[in-house]
C-alpha atoms as a PDB file:
ATOM      1  CA  MET A   1     120.892 -17.688 -82.093  1.00  0.00           C
ATOM      2  CA  ALA A   2     117.209 -16.911 -82.697  1.00  0.00           C
ATOM      3  CA  TYR A   3     114.480 -18.877 -80.968  1.00  0.00           C
ATOM      4  CA  ASP A   4     112.165 -21.104 -82.958  1.00  0.00           C
ATOM      5  CA  LEU A   5     109.263 -19.836 -80.855  1.00  0.00           C
ATOM      6  CA  ILE A   6     108.690 -17.091 -78.321  1.00  0.00           C
ATOM      7  CA  THR A   7     105.297 -16.991 -76.627  1.00  0.00           C
ATOM      8  CA  MET A   8     103.898 -14.137 -74.546  1.00  0.00           C
ATOM      9  CA  GLY A   9     101.055 -14.448 -72.060  1.00  0.00           C
ATOM     10  CA  ARG A  10      99.688 -16.372 -69.107  1.00  0.00           C
ATOM     11  CA  ILE A  11     101.573 -18.449 -66.584  1.00  0.00           C
ATOM     12  CA  GLY A  12     100.424 -19.981 -63.319  1.00  0.00           C
ATOM     13  CA  VAL A  13     100.143 -23.060 -61.169  1.00  0.00           C
ATOM     14  CA  ASP A  14      97.534 -25.645 -62.103  1.00  0.00           C
ATOM     15  CA  LEU A  15      96.157 -27.573 -59.123  1.00  0.00           C
ATOM     16  CA  TYR A  16      94.242 -30.434 -60.680  1.00  0.00           C
ATOM     17  CA  PRO A  17      92.269 -33.038 -58.733  1.00  0.00           C
ATOM     18  CA  LEU A  18      93.687 -36.529 -58.712  1.00  0.00           C
ATOM     19  CA  GLN A  19      90.128 -37.897 -58.571  1.00  0.00           C
ATOM     20  CA  THR A  20      87.916 -37.706 -61.662  1.00  0.00           C
ATOM     21  CA  GLY A  21      84.165 -37.273 -61.591  1.00  0.00           C
ATOM     22  CA  VAL A  22      84.336 -35.670 -58.134  1.00  0.00           C
ATOM     23  CA  PRO A  23      83.094 -32.128 -57.357  1.00  0.00           C
ATOM     24  CA  LEU A  24      85.764 -29.780 -56.050  1.00  0.00           C
ATOM     25  CA  PRO A  25      84.427 -29.679 -52.453  1.00  0.00           C
ATOM     26  CA  GLN A  26      84.877 -33.462 -52.211  1.00  0.00           C
ATOM     27  CA  VAL A  27      88.327 -33.678 -53.855  1.00  0.00           C
ATOM     28  CA  GLU A  28      90.939 -34.913 -51.378  1.00  0.00           C
ATOM     29  CA  THR A  29      94.225 -34.679 -53.297  1.00  0.00           C
ATOM     30  CA  PHE A  30      95.594 -32.438 -56.019  1.00  0.00           C
ATOM     31  CA  GLY A  31      98.549 -32.512 -58.397  1.00  0.00           C
ATOM     32  CA  LYS A  32     100.627 -29.366 -58.939  1.00  0.00           C
ATOM     33  CA  PHE A  33     101.605 -28.491 -62.535  1.00  0.00           C
ATOM     34  CA  LEU A  34     102.977 -25.639 -64.596  1.00  0.00           C
ATOM     35  CA  GLY A  35     100.082 -23.916 -66.370  1.00  0.00           C
ATOM     36  CA  GLY A  36      98.963 -20.978 -68.489  1.00  0.00           C
ATOM     37  CA  SER A  37      98.121 -21.286 -72.185  1.00  0.00           C
ATOM     38  CA  ALA A  38     101.025 -19.341 -73.712  1.00  0.00           C
ATOM     39  CA  THR A  39     103.410 -21.150 -71.403  1.00  0.00           C
ATOM     40  CA  ASN A  40     101.972 -24.555 -72.266  1.00  0.00           C
ATOM     41  CA  VAL A  41     102.355 -23.814 -75.986  1.00  0.00           C
ATOM     42  CA  ALA A  42     106.061 -23.140 -75.420  1.00  0.00           C
ATOM     43  CA  VAL A  43     106.343 -26.418 -73.501  1.00  0.00           C
ATOM     44  CA  ALA A  44     104.493 -28.324 -76.237  1.00  0.00           C
ATOM     45  CA  ALA A  45     106.814 -27.010 -78.943  1.00  0.00           C
ATOM     46  CA  ALA A  46     109.878 -27.742 -76.807  1.00  0.00           C
ATOM     47  CA  ARG A  47     108.705 -31.359 -76.461  1.00  0.00           C
ATOM     48  CA  LEU A  48     108.706 -31.507 -80.268  1.00  0.00           C
ATOM     49  CA  GLY A  49     112.333 -30.391 -80.365  1.00  0.00           C
ATOM     50  CA  ARG A  50     111.943 -26.636 -80.739  1.00  0.00           C
ATOM     51  CA  ARG A  51     114.023 -23.936 -79.012  1.00  0.00           C
ATOM     52  CA  THR A  52     111.419 -21.946 -77.101  1.00  0.00           C
ATOM     53  CA  ALA A  53     111.067 -19.139 -74.581  1.00  0.00           C
ATOM     54  CA  VAL A  54     108.168 -17.421 -72.858  1.00  0.00           C
ATOM     55  CA  ILE A  55     107.627 -13.776 -71.923  1.00  0.00           C
ATOM     56  CA  THR A  56     105.539 -13.540 -68.774  1.00  0.00           C
ATOM     57  CA  ARG A  57     105.581 -12.547 -65.087  1.00  0.00           C
ATOM     58  CA  THR A  58     104.994 -14.351 -61.793  1.00  0.00           C
ATOM     59  CA  GLY A  59     104.616 -13.400 -58.180  1.00  0.00           C
ATOM     60  CA  ASP A  60     107.771 -13.010 -56.095  1.00  0.00           C
ATOM     61  CA  ASP A  61     106.844 -16.071 -54.066  1.00  0.00           C
ATOM     62  CA  PRO A  62     107.482 -19.838 -53.770  1.00  0.00           C
ATOM     63  CA  PHE A  63     104.987 -20.664 -56.541  1.00  0.00           C
ATOM     64  CA  GLY A  64     106.834 -18.247 -58.814  1.00  0.00           C
ATOM     65  CA  ARG A  65     110.111 -20.010 -58.074  1.00  0.00           C
ATOM     66  CA  TYR A  66     108.440 -23.358 -58.777  1.00  0.00           C
ATOM     67  CA  LEU A  67     107.382 -22.107 -62.222  1.00  0.00           C
ATOM     68  CA  HIS A  68     110.973 -21.173 -63.085  1.00  0.00           C
ATOM     69  CA  GLU A  69     112.130 -24.644 -62.071  1.00  0.00           C
ATOM     70  CA  ALA A  70     109.356 -26.272 -64.109  1.00  0.00           C
ATOM     71  CA  LEU A  71     110.119 -24.212 -67.216  1.00  0.00           C
ATOM     72  CA  ARG A  72     113.786 -25.107 -67.098  1.00  0.00           C
ATOM     73  CA  GLY A  73     112.851 -28.749 -66.557  1.00  0.00           C
ATOM     74  CA  PHE A  74     110.819 -28.684 -69.769  1.00  0.00           C
ATOM     75  CA  GLY A  75     113.610 -26.985 -71.702  1.00  0.00           C
ATOM     76  CA  VAL A  76     111.854 -23.617 -72.019  1.00  0.00           C
ATOM     77  CA  ASP A  77     114.056 -20.518 -71.604  1.00  0.00           C
ATOM     78  CA  ASP A  78     112.848 -18.493 -68.606  1.00  0.00           C
ATOM     79  CA  ARG A  79     115.039 -15.403 -69.014  1.00  0.00           C
ATOM     80  CA  TRP A  80     112.000 -13.173 -69.713  1.00  0.00           C
ATOM     81  CA  VAL A  81     109.960 -14.498 -66.773  1.00  0.00           C
ATOM     82  CA  THR A  82     110.210 -11.821 -64.088  1.00  0.00           C
ATOM     83  CA  PRO A  83     108.661 -11.347 -60.629  1.00  0.00           C
ATOM     84  CA  VAL A  84     106.119  -8.683 -59.681  1.00  0.00           C
ATOM     85  CA  PRO A  85     106.436  -7.706 -56.002  1.00  0.00           C
ATOM     86  CA  GLY A  86     103.126  -7.582 -54.183  1.00  0.00           C
ATOM     87  CA  LEU A  87     101.123  -9.782 -56.548  1.00  0.00           C
ATOM     88  CA  PRO A  88     100.688 -13.526 -55.950  1.00  0.00           C
ATOM     89  CA  THR A  89     101.430 -16.126 -58.599  1.00  0.00           C
ATOM     90  CA  PRO A  90      98.073 -17.187 -60.095  1.00  0.00           C
ATOM     91  CA  VAL A  91      96.572 -20.555 -59.195  1.00  0.00           C
ATOM     92  CA  THR A  92      93.975 -22.401 -61.274  1.00  0.00           C
ATOM     93  CA  PHE A  93      91.751 -25.242 -60.076  1.00  0.00           C
ATOM     94  CA  CYS A  94      89.565 -27.426 -62.245  1.00  0.00           C
ATOM     95  CA  GLU A  95      86.990 -30.166 -61.926  1.00  0.00           C
ATOM     96  CA  VAL A  96      87.307 -33.245 -64.123  1.00  0.00           C
ATOM     97  CA  PHE A  97      84.085 -34.743 -65.436  1.00  0.00           C
ATOM     98  CA  PRO A  98      84.989 -36.676 -68.615  1.00  0.00           C
ATOM     99  CA  PRO A  99      84.383 -36.562 -71.471  1.00  0.00           C
ATOM    100  CA  ASP A 100      83.431 -32.902 -71.912  1.00  0.00           C
ATOM    101  CA  ASP A 101      82.920 -31.020 -68.636  1.00  0.00           C
ATOM    102  CA  PHE A 102      86.023 -29.402 -67.116  1.00  0.00           C
ATOM    103  CA  PRO A 103      85.066 -26.257 -65.170  1.00  0.00           C
ATOM    104  CA  LEU A 104      87.980 -23.906 -64.457  1.00  0.00           C
ATOM    105  CA  TYR A 105      88.390 -21.679 -61.415  1.00  0.00           C
ATOM    106  CA  PHE A 106      90.974 -18.910 -61.876  1.00  0.00           C
ATOM    107  CA  TYR A 107      92.529 -17.229 -58.820  1.00  0.00           C
ATOM    108  CA  ARG A 108      94.106 -14.119 -60.362  1.00  0.00           C
ATOM    109  CA  GLN A 109      93.249 -11.471 -57.749  1.00  0.00           C
ATOM    110  CA  PRO A 110      93.911  -8.632 -57.194  1.00  0.00           C
ATOM    111  CA  LYS A 111      95.648  -8.837 -60.588  1.00  0.00           C
ATOM    112  CA  ALA A 112      97.638 -11.487 -62.407  1.00  0.00           C
ATOM    113  CA  PRO A 113     101.362 -10.696 -62.698  1.00  0.00           C
ATOM    114  CA  ASP A 114     101.308 -11.754 -66.368  1.00  0.00           C
ATOM    115  CA  LEU A 115      99.130  -8.697 -67.050  1.00  0.00           C
ATOM    116  CA  GLU A 116     101.968  -6.516 -65.743  1.00  0.00           C
ATOM    117  CA  ILE A 117     104.216  -7.197 -68.757  1.00  0.00           C
ATOM    118  CA  ASP A 118     105.546  -3.758 -69.735  1.00  0.00           C
ATOM    119  CA  ALA A 119     106.465  -2.650 -73.241  1.00  0.00           C
ATOM    120  CA  HIS A 120     109.648  -0.956 -72.009  1.00  0.00           C
ATOM    121  CA  GLU A 121     110.986  -4.274 -70.683  1.00  0.00           C
ATOM    122  CA  LEU A 122     110.551  -6.275 -73.914  1.00  0.00           C
ATOM    123  CA  ASP A 123     113.522  -7.638 -75.829  1.00  0.00           C
ATOM    124  CA  LEU A 124     112.199  -6.408 -79.167  1.00  0.00           C
ATOM    125  CA  ASP A 125     115.214  -7.657 -81.107  1.00  0.00           C
ATOM    126  CA  ALA A 126     114.631 -11.232 -79.900  1.00  0.00           C
ATOM    127  CA  ILE A 127     110.917 -10.949 -80.684  1.00  0.00           C
ATOM    128  CA  HIS A 128     111.698  -9.726 -84.193  1.00  0.00           C
ATOM    129  CA  GLU A 129     114.215 -12.508 -84.854  1.00  0.00           C
ATOM    130  CA  ALA A 130     112.186 -15.479 -83.556  1.00  0.00           C
ATOM    131  CA  GLY A 131     110.914 -17.982 -86.102  1.00  0.00           C
ATOM    132  CA  ILE A 132     107.430 -17.673 -84.597  1.00  0.00           C
ATOM    133  CA  PHE A 133     106.059 -15.125 -82.130  1.00  0.00           C
ATOM    134  CA  TRP A 134     102.836 -16.123 -80.319  1.00  0.00           C
ATOM    135  CA  VAL A 135     100.463 -13.773 -78.460  1.00  0.00           C
ATOM    136  CA  THR A 136      97.068 -14.273 -76.829  1.00  0.00           C
ATOM    137  CA  GLY A 137      93.756 -12.519 -76.443  1.00  0.00           C
ATOM    138  CA  THR A 138      94.146 -12.488 -72.666  1.00  0.00           C
ATOM    139  CA  GLY A 139      97.221 -10.306 -73.102  1.00  0.00           C
ATOM    140  CA  LEU A 140      94.928  -7.607 -74.527  1.00  0.00           C
ATOM    141  CA  SER A 141      92.514  -7.629 -71.579  1.00  0.00           C
ATOM    142  CA  GLU A 142      94.318  -5.135 -69.293  1.00  0.00           C
ATOM    143  CA  GLU A 143      97.107  -2.596 -69.200  1.00  0.00           C
ATOM    144  CA  PRO A 144     100.089  -2.541 -69.341  1.00  0.00           C
ATOM    145  CA  SER A 145      99.970  -5.983 -71.009  1.00  0.00           C
ATOM    146  CA  ARG A 146      97.685  -4.677 -73.768  1.00  0.00           C
ATOM    147  CA  THR A 147     100.122  -1.966 -74.843  1.00  0.00           C
ATOM    148  CA  ALA A 148     103.061  -4.364 -74.524  1.00  0.00           C
ATOM    149  CA  THR A 149     101.351  -6.973 -76.704  1.00  0.00           C
ATOM    150  CA  LEU A 150     100.435  -4.490 -79.432  1.00  0.00           C
ATOM    151  CA  ALA A 151     103.887  -2.866 -79.286  1.00  0.00           C
ATOM    152  CA  ALA A 152     105.579  -6.248 -79.718  1.00  0.00           C
ATOM    153  CA  LEU A 153     103.320  -7.064 -82.669  1.00  0.00           C
ATOM    154  CA  ALA A 154     103.919  -3.695 -84.307  1.00  0.00           C
ATOM    155  CA  HIS A 155     107.698  -4.001 -83.911  1.00  0.00           C
ATOM    156  CA  ARG A 156     107.715  -7.499 -85.347  1.00  0.00           C
ATOM    157  CA  ALA A 157     105.717  -6.186 -88.318  1.00  0.00           C
ATOM    158  CA  LYS A 158     104.809  -9.663 -89.635  1.00  0.00           C
ATOM    159  CA  SER A 159     108.448 -10.717 -89.975  1.00  0.00           C
ATOM    160  CA  GLY A 160     108.467 -14.508 -89.919  1.00  0.00           C
ATOM    161  CA  THR A 161     105.287 -16.102 -88.596  1.00  0.00           C
ATOM    162  CA  THR A 162     103.234 -14.273 -85.977  1.00  0.00           C
ATOM    163  CA  VAL A 163     100.405 -16.226 -84.349  1.00  0.00           C
ATOM    164  CA  PHE A 164      97.442 -14.676 -82.539  1.00  0.00           C
ATOM    165  CA  ASP A 165      95.762 -17.196 -80.233  1.00  0.00           C
ATOM    166  CA  LEU A 166      92.306 -15.622 -79.887  1.00  0.00           C
ATOM    167  CA  ASP A 167      92.086 -17.135 -76.370  1.00  0.00           C
ATOM    168  CA  TRP A 168      88.753 -15.615 -75.267  1.00  0.00           C
ATOM    169  CA  ARG A 169      88.311 -15.545 -71.481  1.00  0.00           C
ATOM    170  CA  PRO A 170      85.492 -13.051 -70.795  1.00  0.00           C
ATOM    171  CA  MET A 171      86.045 -13.185 -67.022  1.00  0.00           C
ATOM    172  CA  PHE A 172      89.425 -11.488 -67.535  1.00  0.00           C
ATOM    173  CA  TRP A 173      87.876  -8.405 -69.161  1.00  0.00           C
ATOM    174  CA  GLN A 174      86.327  -5.556 -67.206  1.00  0.00           C
ATOM    175  CA  ASP A 175      84.135  -4.882 -70.248  1.00  0.00           C
ATOM    176  CA  PRO A 176      83.990  -7.933 -72.537  1.00  0.00           C
ATOM    177  CA  ALA A 177      82.015  -5.969 -75.126  1.00  0.00           C
ATOM    178  CA  ALA A 178      85.052  -3.712 -75.640  1.00  0.00           C
ATOM    179  CA  ALA A 179      87.330  -6.542 -76.760  1.00  0.00           C
ATOM    180  CA  ARG A 180      86.744  -6.601 -80.528  1.00  0.00           C
ATOM    181  CA  PRO A 181      88.627  -3.391 -81.472  1.00  0.00           C
ATOM    182  CA  PHE A 182      91.725  -4.678 -79.683  1.00  0.00           C
ATOM    183  CA  TYR A 183      91.385  -8.062 -81.380  1.00  0.00           C
ATOM    184  CA  GLN A 184      91.082  -6.306 -84.741  1.00  0.00           C
ATOM    185  CA  GLU A 185      94.214  -4.261 -84.048  1.00  0.00           C
ATOM    186  CA  ALA A 186      96.163  -7.404 -83.151  1.00  0.00           C
ATOM    187  CA  LEU A 187      94.961  -9.167 -86.297  1.00  0.00           C
ATOM    188  CA  ARG A 188      96.456  -6.382 -88.427  1.00  0.00           C
ATOM    189  CA  HIS A 189      99.918  -7.413 -87.242  1.00  0.00           C
ATOM    190  CA  THR A 190      99.600 -11.210 -87.315  1.00  0.00           C
ATOM    191  CA  THR A 191      99.993 -13.841 -90.005  1.00  0.00           C
ATOM    192  CA  VAL A 192      98.121 -16.730 -88.327  1.00  0.00           C
ATOM    193  CA  ALA A 193      94.947 -16.609 -86.214  1.00  0.00           C
ATOM    194  CA  VAL A 194      93.700 -19.632 -84.290  1.00  0.00           C
ATOM    195  CA  GLY A 195      90.560 -20.003 -82.201  1.00  0.00           C
ATOM    196  CA  ASN A 196      87.354 -21.907 -81.542  1.00  0.00           C
ATOM    197  CA  LEU A 197      83.890 -20.816 -82.683  1.00  0.00           C
ATOM    198  CA  ASP A 198      83.295 -18.550 -79.680  1.00  0.00           C
ATOM    199  CA  GLU A 199      86.701 -16.927 -80.138  1.00  0.00           C
ATOM    200  CA  VAL A 200      86.385 -16.256 -83.862  1.00  0.00           C
ATOM    201  CA  GLU A 201      82.974 -14.726 -83.222  1.00  0.00           C
ATOM    202  CA  VAL A 202      84.474 -12.338 -80.669  1.00  0.00           C
ATOM    203  CA  ALA A 203      87.202 -11.366 -83.126  1.00  0.00           C
ATOM    204  CA  THR A 204      85.078 -11.020 -86.259  1.00  0.00           C
ATOM    205  CA  GLY A 205      81.380 -11.012 -85.356  1.00  0.00           C
ATOM    206  CA  VAL A 206      80.961 -14.146 -87.500  1.00  0.00           C
ATOM    207  CA  ARG A 207      80.395 -17.671 -86.181  1.00  0.00           C
ATOM    208  CA  GLU A 208      79.902 -19.868 -89.266  1.00  0.00           C
ATOM    209  CA  PRO A 209      83.339 -21.514 -89.668  1.00  0.00           C
ATOM    210  CA  ARG A 210      84.136 -20.760 -93.321  1.00  0.00           C
ATOM    211  CA  LYS A 211      82.755 -17.243 -93.170  1.00  0.00           C
ATOM    212  CA  ALA A 212      84.673 -16.642 -89.935  1.00  0.00           C
ATOM    213  CA  ALA A 213      87.873 -17.931 -91.536  1.00  0.00           C
ATOM    214  CA  GLN A 214      87.342 -15.563 -94.458  1.00  0.00           C
ATOM    215  CA  ALA A 215      86.701 -12.687 -92.041  1.00  0.00           C
ATOM    216  CA  LEU A 216      90.030 -13.419 -90.348  1.00  0.00           C
ATOM    217  CA  LEU A 217      91.778 -13.422 -93.730  1.00  0.00           C
ATOM    218  CA  ASP A 218      90.056 -10.150 -94.602  1.00  0.00           C
ATOM    219  CA  ALA A 219      91.367  -8.713 -91.312  1.00  0.00           C
ATOM    220  CA  GLY A 220      94.917  -9.295 -92.521  1.00  0.00           C
ATOM    221  CA  VAL A 221      96.087 -12.778 -91.547  1.00  0.00           C
ATOM    222  CA  GLU A 222      97.538 -15.287 -94.010  1.00  0.00           C
ATOM    223  CA  ILE A 223      96.231 -18.453 -92.316  1.00  0.00           C
ATOM    224  CA  ALA A 224      92.994 -18.816 -90.339  1.00  0.00           C
ATOM    225  CA  VAL A 225      92.522 -21.871 -88.106  1.00  0.00           C
ATOM    226  CA  VAL A 226      89.006 -22.459 -86.772  1.00  0.00           C
ATOM    227  CA  LYS A 227      88.465 -25.207 -84.203  1.00  0.00           C
ATOM    228  CA  GLN A 228      84.983 -26.723 -84.522  1.00  0.00           C
ATOM    229  CA  GLY A 229      84.887 -29.109 -81.564  1.00  0.00           C
ATOM    230  CA  PRO A 230      83.500 -32.537 -82.556  1.00  0.00           C
ATOM    231  CA  LYS A 231      83.551 -31.490 -86.232  1.00  0.00           C
ATOM    232  CA  GLY A 232      87.324 -31.118 -86.151  1.00  0.00           C
ATOM    233  CA  VAL A 233      89.395 -28.185 -87.380  1.00  0.00           C
ATOM    234  CA  LEU A 234      89.263 -25.982 -90.473  1.00  0.00           C
ATOM    235  CA  ALA A 235      92.334 -24.187 -91.840  1.00  0.00           C
ATOM    236  CA  VAL A 236      92.206 -21.737 -94.736  1.00  0.00           C
ATOM    237  CA  ASN A 237      95.007 -19.620 -96.191  1.00  0.00           C
ATOM    238  CA  ASN A 238      95.101 -16.532 -98.394  1.00  0.00           C
ATOM    239  CA  LYS A 239      96.163 -18.625-101.401  1.00  0.00           C
ATOM    240  CA  GLY A 240      92.725 -20.231-101.508  1.00  0.00           C
ATOM    241  CA  GLU A 241      93.894 -23.515 -99.986  1.00  0.00           C
ATOM    242  CA  SER A 242      91.943 -25.176 -97.196  1.00  0.00           C
ATOM    243  CA  ALA A 243      91.972 -28.308 -95.062  1.00  0.00           C
ATOM    244  CA  GLU A 244      89.198 -29.664 -92.847  1.00  0.00           C
ATOM    245  CA  VAL A 245      90.391 -32.473 -90.593  1.00  0.00           C
ATOM    246  CA  PRO A 246      88.235 -34.544 -88.207  1.00  0.00           C
ATOM    247  CA  PRO A 247      89.332 -35.119 -84.611  1.00  0.00           C
ATOM    248  CA  LEU A 248      91.372 -38.187 -83.766  1.00  0.00           C
ATOM    249  CA  PRO A 249      89.386 -40.781 -81.752  1.00  0.00           C
ATOM    250  CA  VAL A 250      90.361 -40.678 -78.069  1.00  0.00           C
ATOM    251  CA  ASN A 251      88.981 -41.572 -74.660  1.00  0.00           C
ATOM    252  CA  VAL A 252      89.020 -38.134 -73.057  1.00  0.00           C
ATOM    253  CA  LEU A 253      90.227 -37.807 -69.476  1.00  0.00           C
ATOM    254  CA  ASN A 254      90.861 -34.053 -69.295  1.00  0.00           C
ATOM    255  CA  GLY A 255      90.442 -31.841 -72.353  1.00  0.00           C
ATOM    256  CA  LEU A 256      91.923 -28.667 -70.860  1.00  0.00           C
ATOM    257  CA  GLY A 257      95.446 -28.897 -72.294  1.00  0.00           C
ATOM    258  CA  ALA A 258      94.484 -30.146 -75.732  1.00  0.00           C
ATOM    259  CA  GLY A 259      94.366 -26.688 -77.306  1.00  0.00           C
ATOM    260  CA  ASP A 260      97.845 -25.838 -76.058  1.00  0.00           C
ATOM    261  CA  ALA A 261      99.253 -29.091 -77.425  1.00  0.00           C
ATOM    262  CA  PHE A 262      97.525 -28.235 -80.706  1.00  0.00           C
ATOM    263  CA  GLY A 263      99.219 -24.822 -80.634  1.00  0.00           C
ATOM    264  CA  GLY A 264     102.699 -26.190 -80.008  1.00  0.00           C
ATOM    265  CA  SER A 265     102.262 -28.677 -82.830  1.00  0.00           C
ATOM    266  CA  LEU A 266     100.859 -25.964 -85.107  1.00  0.00           C
ATOM    267  CA  CYS A 267     104.047 -23.955 -84.564  1.00  0.00           C
ATOM    268  CA  HIS A 268     106.195 -27.028 -85.214  1.00  0.00           C
ATOM    269  CA  GLY A 269     104.393 -27.742 -88.499  1.00  0.00           C
ATOM    270  CA  LEU A 270     104.632 -24.121 -89.641  1.00  0.00           C
ATOM    271  CA  LEU A 271     108.367 -24.118 -88.933  1.00  0.00           C
ATOM    272  CA  GLU A 272     108.712 -27.358 -90.888  1.00  0.00           C
ATOM    273  CA  GLY A 273     106.890 -25.845 -93.866  1.00  0.00           C
ATOM    274  CA  TRP A 274     104.244 -28.579 -93.993  1.00  0.00           C
ATOM    275  CA  ASP A 275     101.041 -28.159 -95.985  1.00  0.00           C
ATOM    276  CA  LEU A 276      97.814 -27.242 -94.188  1.00  0.00           C
ATOM    277  CA  GLU A 277      96.407 -30.753 -93.977  1.00  0.00           C
ATOM    278  CA  LYS A 278      99.582 -32.274 -92.531  1.00  0.00           C
ATOM    279  CA  ILE A 279      99.836 -29.475 -89.967  1.00  0.00           C
ATOM    280  CA  MET A 280      96.222 -29.946 -88.883  1.00  0.00           C
ATOM    281  CA  ARG A 281      96.474 -33.743 -88.641  1.00  0.00           C
ATOM    282  CA  HIS A 282      99.625 -33.526 -86.518  1.00  0.00           C
ATOM    283  CA  ALA A 283      98.127 -30.816 -84.296  1.00  0.00           C
ATOM    284  CA  ASN A 284      94.889 -32.771 -83.843  1.00  0.00           C
ATOM    285  CA  ALA A 285      96.880 -35.836 -82.791  1.00  0.00           C
ATOM    286  CA  ALA A 286      98.947 -33.846 -80.304  1.00  0.00           C
ATOM    287  CA  GLY A 287      95.787 -32.372 -78.789  1.00  0.00           C
ATOM    288  CA  ALA A 288      94.080 -35.741 -78.576  1.00  0.00           C
ATOM    289  CA  ILE A 289      97.037 -37.259 -76.731  1.00  0.00           C
ATOM    290  CA  VAL A 290      96.899 -34.552 -74.058  1.00  0.00           C
ATOM    291  CA  ALA A 291      93.110 -34.938 -73.770  1.00  0.00           C
ATOM    292  CA  SER A 292      93.738 -38.566 -72.811  1.00  0.00           C
ATOM    293  CA  ARG A 293      95.888 -37.476 -69.842  1.00  0.00           C
ATOM    294  CA  LEU A 294      95.117 -35.668 -66.590  1.00  0.00           C
ATOM    295  CA  GLU A 295      97.690 -32.887 -66.607  1.00  0.00           C
ATOM    296  CA  CYS A 296      98.577 -30.224 -69.213  1.00  0.00           C
ATOM    297  CA  SER A 297     102.238 -29.179 -69.391  1.00  0.00           C
ATOM    298  CA  SER A 298     103.759 -32.512 -68.394  1.00  0.00           C
ATOM    299  CA  ALA A 299     101.332 -34.312 -70.728  1.00  0.00           C
ATOM    300  CA  MET A 300     102.668 -32.684 -73.896  1.00  0.00           C
ATOM    301  CA  PRO A 301     103.601 -35.408 -76.384  1.00  0.00           C
ATOM    302  CA  THR A 302     106.940 -36.275 -77.973  1.00  0.00           C
ATOM    303  CA  PRO A 303     107.338 -36.656 -81.749  1.00  0.00           C
ATOM    304  CA  ASP A 304     107.264 -40.450 -81.418  1.00  0.00           C
ATOM    305  CA  GLU A 305     103.994 -40.331 -79.480  1.00  0.00           C
ATOM    306  CA  VAL A 306     102.340 -38.118 -82.079  1.00  0.00           C
ATOM    307  CA  GLN A 307     103.541 -40.356 -84.898  1.00  0.00           C
ATOM    308  CA  ALA A 308     102.244 -43.447 -83.123  1.00  0.00           C
ATOM    309  CA  ALA A 309      98.782 -41.883 -82.775  1.00  0.00           C
ATOM    310  CA  LEU A 310      98.770 -40.846 -86.447  1.00  0.00           C
ATOM    311  CA  THR A 311      99.824 -44.320 -87.525  1.00  0.00           C
ATOM    312  CA  ALA A 312      97.159 -45.976 -85.362  1.00  0.00           C
ATOM    313  CA  GLY A 313      94.480 -43.492 -86.399  1.00  0.00           C
ATOM    314  CA  ALA A 314      93.542 -43.046 -82.740  1.00  0.00           C
ATOM    315  CA  VAL A 315      95.032 -42.437 -79.308  1.00  0.00           C
ATOM    316  CA  LEU A 316      95.377 -45.921 -77.865  1.00  0.00           C
END
């Protein structure tokens, strides 16, 4: 049986402070959570009832074993999560200064195991058969993950829906200026591109939302999704249809997982065959719910929670 969604990319342990508005040196207690954007997207879609799996790698250590347990607890298939001897499982810290300041501190040295995904180890048949296949910009930042990501995309050859999360993290690139050609190559093989203004500019050289969306369509995708922060989200497809949806009102506690909740909901809506506006409204609501909570993976909303926020017109 094919998966509804297979994601490929980052995984790690999020250690988030249990005190808000406190600088990291003064934080006394932390919560431990499953993290990593591609992984969180798989969790978010699983919470919405989808059969999901993630392709990634961990360290061969206790944190790596914790991540397997957490994935299974969330209903995400972990069969393609493998250990890399000699590399530690990544850990990410953050500071929480609501409503809009959430500095991240990535500990991915000497190299993150999820960048050791190898093309020869991929289950290409499963990737080809999945309803949606999701890859990230971080997966292009180093070898062998870069070759594995592009090989998976080329093999899938736009069968079904293939989503490229532009996911721009310049600190993961040895030469950030060299990223665009790899982004352009990935766009050739994908049907949906999603990113914020910084990310679409990296991918296309264009920052104005509608022009950037058109540049993504010109690069070969069928649907371009441009997140505009307080202005909401713009979605445009190659049929000339568009939807621009404002954010859902919410008292933000921690905005870090909102984009991953958005991504899981985006996949759910695409699988359901909804129109652009319905997909964007549902995804905005899912993201807003997670922004109202401290954690990321365990904060992903259920269908009833998303519907309640849509009905109320806000996250209450």
